[in-house]
N, C-alpha and C. Protein backbone atom coordinates (compact mmCIF):
# COMPACT_ATOMS: atom_id res chain seq x y z
N UNK A 1 0.90 -1.22 -0.02
CA UNK A 1 0.05 0.08 -0.02
C UNK A 1 0.85 1.22 -0.01
N UNK A 2 0.51 2.22 -0.72
CA UNK A 2 1.31 3.39 -0.84
C UNK A 2 0.84 4.51 0.26
N UNK A 3 1.77 5.46 0.39
CA UNK A 3 1.44 6.56 1.29
C UNK A 3 0.88 7.70 0.34
N UNK A 4 -0.15 8.21 0.79
CA UNK A 4 -0.75 9.34 -0.01
C UNK A 4 -1.06 10.51 0.99
N UNK A 5 -0.63 11.76 0.56
CA UNK A 5 -0.91 12.89 1.35
C UNK A 5 -1.73 13.82 0.40
N UNK A 6 -2.95 14.21 0.96
CA UNK A 6 -3.77 15.10 0.13
C UNK A 6 -3.49 16.50 0.71
N UNK A 7 -3.01 17.41 -0.25
CA UNK A 7 -2.62 18.75 0.30
C UNK A 7 -3.56 19.78 -0.49
N UNK A 8 -4.23 20.53 0.42
CA UNK A 8 -5.09 21.52 -0.15
C UNK A 8 -4.32 22.49 -1.13
N UNK A 9 -5.08 22.82 -2.19
CA UNK A 9 -4.54 23.58 -3.33
C UNK A 9 -4.64 25.12 -2.99
N UNK A 10 -3.87 25.46 -2.04
CA UNK A 10 -3.82 26.95 -1.59
C UNK A 10 -2.36 27.25 -1.47
N UNK A 11 -1.93 28.54 -1.75
CA UNK A 11 -0.55 28.97 -1.81
C UNK A 11 0.18 28.62 -0.58
N UNK A 12 -0.43 28.68 0.59
CA UNK A 12 0.36 28.42 1.82
C UNK A 12 0.89 27.06 1.91
N UNK A 13 0.33 26.09 1.26
CA UNK A 13 0.77 24.70 1.27
C UNK A 13 1.61 24.37 0.13
N UNK A 14 1.92 25.28 -0.74
CA UNK A 14 2.74 24.96 -1.97
C UNK A 14 4.18 24.49 -1.53
N UNK A 15 4.75 24.90 -0.43
CA UNK A 15 6.11 24.33 -0.10
C UNK A 15 6.12 22.84 0.11
N UNK A 16 5.04 22.30 0.51
CA UNK A 16 4.97 20.79 0.65
C UNK A 16 4.90 20.10 -0.76
N UNK A 17 4.24 20.73 -1.62
CA UNK A 17 4.15 20.18 -3.00
C UNK A 17 5.42 20.43 -3.71
N UNK A 18 6.07 21.52 -3.64
CA UNK A 18 7.38 21.72 -4.25
C UNK A 18 8.44 20.77 -3.67
N UNK A 19 8.46 20.56 -2.39
CA UNK A 19 9.45 19.74 -1.82
C UNK A 19 9.27 18.33 -2.23
N UNK A 20 8.04 17.78 -2.37
CA UNK A 20 7.78 16.43 -2.82
C UNK A 20 8.17 16.40 -4.24
N UNK A 21 8.05 17.34 -5.01
CA UNK A 21 8.48 17.29 -6.52
C UNK A 21 9.92 17.03 -6.58
N UNK A 22 10.68 17.38 -5.66
CA UNK A 22 12.13 17.26 -5.60
C UNK A 22 12.67 15.99 -5.02
N UNK A 23 11.63 15.12 -4.58
CA UNK A 23 12.10 13.83 -3.94
C UNK A 23 11.81 12.75 -5.06
N UNK A 24 12.87 12.00 -5.36
CA UNK A 24 12.83 10.99 -6.41
C UNK A 24 11.71 9.93 -6.01
N UNK A 25 11.50 9.68 -4.79
CA UNK A 25 10.54 8.56 -4.40
C UNK A 25 9.04 9.04 -4.28
N UNK A 26 8.86 10.31 -4.55
CA UNK A 26 7.48 10.84 -4.45
C UNK A 26 6.91 11.17 -5.82
N UNK A 27 5.58 10.87 -5.97
CA UNK A 27 4.92 11.34 -7.19
C UNK A 27 3.88 12.37 -6.79
N UNK A 28 3.86 13.43 -7.51
CA UNK A 28 2.91 14.52 -7.20
C UNK A 28 1.87 14.61 -8.34
N UNK A 29 0.58 14.35 -7.93
CA UNK A 29 -0.49 14.41 -8.95
C UNK A 29 -1.11 15.80 -8.97
N UNK A 30 -1.43 16.24 -10.12
CA UNK A 30 -2.00 17.62 -10.20
C UNK A 30 -3.16 17.83 -9.38
N UNK A 31 -3.29 19.02 -8.92
CA UNK A 31 -4.54 19.45 -8.10
C UNK A 31 -5.83 18.96 -8.83
N UNK A 32 -6.69 18.32 -8.08
CA UNK A 32 -7.93 17.84 -8.52
C UNK A 32 -8.91 17.82 -7.25
N UNK A 33 -10.15 18.39 -7.47
CA UNK A 33 -11.10 18.38 -6.43
C UNK A 33 -10.57 19.20 -5.23
N UNK A 34 -9.66 20.21 -5.52
CA UNK A 34 -9.21 21.05 -4.43
C UNK A 34 -7.87 20.50 -3.72
N UNK A 35 -7.36 19.42 -4.16
CA UNK A 35 -6.25 18.87 -3.45
C UNK A 35 -5.16 18.38 -4.46
N UNK A 36 -3.92 18.60 -4.04
CA UNK A 36 -2.74 17.90 -4.68
C UNK A 36 -2.71 16.52 -4.10
N UNK A 37 -2.11 15.65 -4.74
CA UNK A 37 -1.90 14.31 -4.13
C UNK A 37 -0.46 13.95 -4.17
N UNK A 38 0.26 13.77 -3.02
CA UNK A 38 1.68 13.37 -3.00
C UNK A 38 1.62 11.89 -2.60
N UNK A 39 2.25 11.09 -3.44
CA UNK A 39 2.26 9.56 -3.24
C UNK A 39 3.71 9.14 -3.15
N UNK A 40 3.95 8.12 -2.30
CA UNK A 40 5.21 7.38 -2.27
C UNK A 40 4.93 6.00 -1.90
N UNK A 41 5.87 5.06 -2.34
CA UNK A 41 5.71 3.65 -2.08
C UNK A 41 5.87 3.30 -0.59
N UNK A 42 6.85 3.87 0.10
CA UNK A 42 7.05 3.41 1.46
C UNK A 42 6.91 4.55 2.55
N UNK A 43 7.36 5.77 2.20
CA UNK A 43 7.18 6.79 3.20
C UNK A 43 7.33 8.23 2.62
N UNK A 44 6.82 9.24 3.34
CA UNK A 44 7.10 10.61 3.03
C UNK A 44 7.58 11.17 4.26
N UNK A 45 8.47 12.17 4.19
CA UNK A 45 9.07 12.87 5.31
C UNK A 45 9.41 14.32 4.92
N UNK A 46 8.86 15.19 5.83
CA UNK A 46 9.09 16.68 5.59
C UNK A 46 9.65 17.23 6.81
N UNK A 47 10.44 18.24 6.63
CA UNK A 47 11.14 19.08 7.63
C UNK A 47 10.59 20.47 7.68
N UNK A 48 9.99 20.88 8.73
CA UNK A 48 9.26 22.19 8.76
C UNK A 48 10.21 23.36 8.45
N UNK A 49 11.42 23.46 9.06
CA UNK A 49 12.29 24.50 8.86
C UNK A 49 12.77 24.57 7.41
N UNK A 50 12.94 23.42 6.76
CA UNK A 50 13.44 23.44 5.32
C UNK A 50 12.32 24.06 4.47
N UNK A 51 11.08 23.77 4.69
CA UNK A 51 9.87 24.26 4.02
C UNK A 51 9.50 25.69 4.31
N UNK A 52 10.05 26.18 5.51
CA UNK A 52 9.80 27.45 5.89
C UNK A 52 8.22 27.74 6.20
N UNK A 53 7.70 26.65 6.72
CA UNK A 53 6.20 26.75 7.12
C UNK A 53 6.09 27.33 8.53
N UNK A 54 5.06 28.12 8.73
CA UNK A 54 4.85 28.72 10.09
C UNK A 54 4.39 27.55 10.85
N UNK A 55 4.42 27.62 12.26
CA UNK A 55 3.79 26.62 13.03
C UNK A 55 2.33 26.32 12.82
N UNK A 56 1.59 27.31 12.50
CA UNK A 56 0.15 27.09 12.22
C UNK A 56 -0.09 26.34 10.90
N UNK A 57 0.69 26.61 9.93
CA UNK A 57 0.55 25.93 8.68
C UNK A 57 1.10 24.47 8.79
N UNK A 58 2.22 24.30 9.49
CA UNK A 58 2.72 22.98 9.84
C UNK A 58 1.72 22.13 10.57
N UNK A 59 1.02 22.73 11.52
CA UNK A 59 0.13 21.93 12.38
C UNK A 59 -1.10 21.53 11.51
N UNK A 60 -1.34 22.31 10.56
CA UNK A 60 -2.51 21.90 9.66
C UNK A 60 -2.14 21.18 8.35
N UNK A 61 -0.96 20.74 8.28
CA UNK A 61 -0.42 20.14 7.04
C UNK A 61 -1.14 18.90 6.62
N UNK A 62 -1.87 18.30 7.57
CA UNK A 62 -2.65 17.03 7.20
C UNK A 62 -4.13 17.29 7.08
N UNK A 63 -4.48 18.56 7.01
CA UNK A 63 -5.86 18.94 6.92
C UNK A 63 -6.59 18.40 5.71
N UNK A 64 -5.85 18.03 4.64
CA UNK A 64 -6.52 17.54 3.49
C UNK A 64 -6.71 16.03 3.59
N UNK A 65 -6.08 15.41 4.67
CA UNK A 65 -6.18 13.84 4.75
C UNK A 65 -4.97 13.17 4.32
N UNK A 66 -4.86 11.92 4.67
CA UNK A 66 -3.74 11.16 4.27
C UNK A 66 -4.09 9.71 4.29
N UNK A 67 -3.31 8.74 3.73
CA UNK A 67 -3.40 7.34 3.77
C UNK A 67 -2.04 6.84 4.13
N UNK A 68 -1.98 6.11 5.25
CA UNK A 68 -0.71 5.67 5.74
C UNK A 68 -0.74 5.70 7.30
N UNK A 69 0.40 5.63 7.98
CA UNK A 69 0.51 5.56 9.37
C UNK A 69 1.56 6.65 9.78
N UNK A 70 1.10 7.56 10.63
CA UNK A 70 2.07 8.61 11.15
C UNK A 70 3.03 7.93 12.20
N UNK A 71 4.31 8.08 11.86
CA UNK A 71 5.29 7.46 12.88
C UNK A 71 6.05 8.68 13.60
N UNK A 72 5.85 9.90 12.94
CA UNK A 72 6.56 11.11 13.57
C UNK A 72 5.81 12.31 13.11
N UNK A 73 5.26 13.20 14.00
CA UNK A 73 4.61 14.41 13.70
C UNK A 73 4.81 15.44 14.85
N UNK A 74 6.10 15.93 14.79
CA UNK A 74 6.46 16.78 15.95
C UNK A 74 6.58 18.20 15.52
N UNK A 75 7.30 18.96 16.30
CA UNK A 75 7.54 20.45 16.03
C UNK A 75 8.22 20.66 14.63
N UNK A 76 9.03 19.65 14.20
CA UNK A 76 9.84 19.89 12.98
C UNK A 76 9.88 18.88 11.95
N UNK A 77 9.38 17.62 12.38
CA UNK A 77 9.37 16.58 11.34
C UNK A 77 7.97 15.93 11.20
N UNK A 78 7.65 15.59 10.01
CA UNK A 78 6.45 14.91 9.66
C UNK A 78 6.92 13.64 8.83
N UNK A 79 6.59 12.51 9.30
CA UNK A 79 6.98 11.25 8.71
C UNK A 79 5.82 10.32 8.70
N UNK A 80 5.29 9.96 7.48
CA UNK A 80 4.22 8.91 7.32
C UNK A 80 4.71 7.82 6.59
N UNK A 81 4.40 6.54 7.00
CA UNK A 81 4.91 5.37 6.37
C UNK A 81 3.75 4.62 5.83
N UNK A 82 3.93 3.59 4.92
CA UNK A 82 2.97 2.84 4.40
C UNK A 82 2.32 1.89 5.52
N UNK A 83 1.14 1.60 5.41
CA UNK A 83 0.40 0.74 6.44
C UNK A 83 1.04 -0.60 6.54
N UNK A 84 1.84 -1.02 5.41
CA UNK A 84 2.48 -2.31 5.50
C UNK A 84 3.68 -2.39 6.31
N UNK A 85 4.26 -1.21 6.68
CA UNK A 85 5.65 -1.17 7.45
C UNK A 85 5.32 -1.25 8.94
């Protein structure tokens, strides 16, 4: 099972989409029904400071929903893995 992160198509969340586009293990699907889709086979990991997201945006990063299992979601790291792991 893949990891999927649904990211609302608003400018404030664009750093998540741009970062995922630069990761070879991620596939970014164009915005549809108001959300971008970031997909990965085994895991996705983002670092808040690298993305330059404010704490408020960071804390709402999963507001579009996700498929997978959160293994870390702290002040600076978001890591979601496949349900198979």
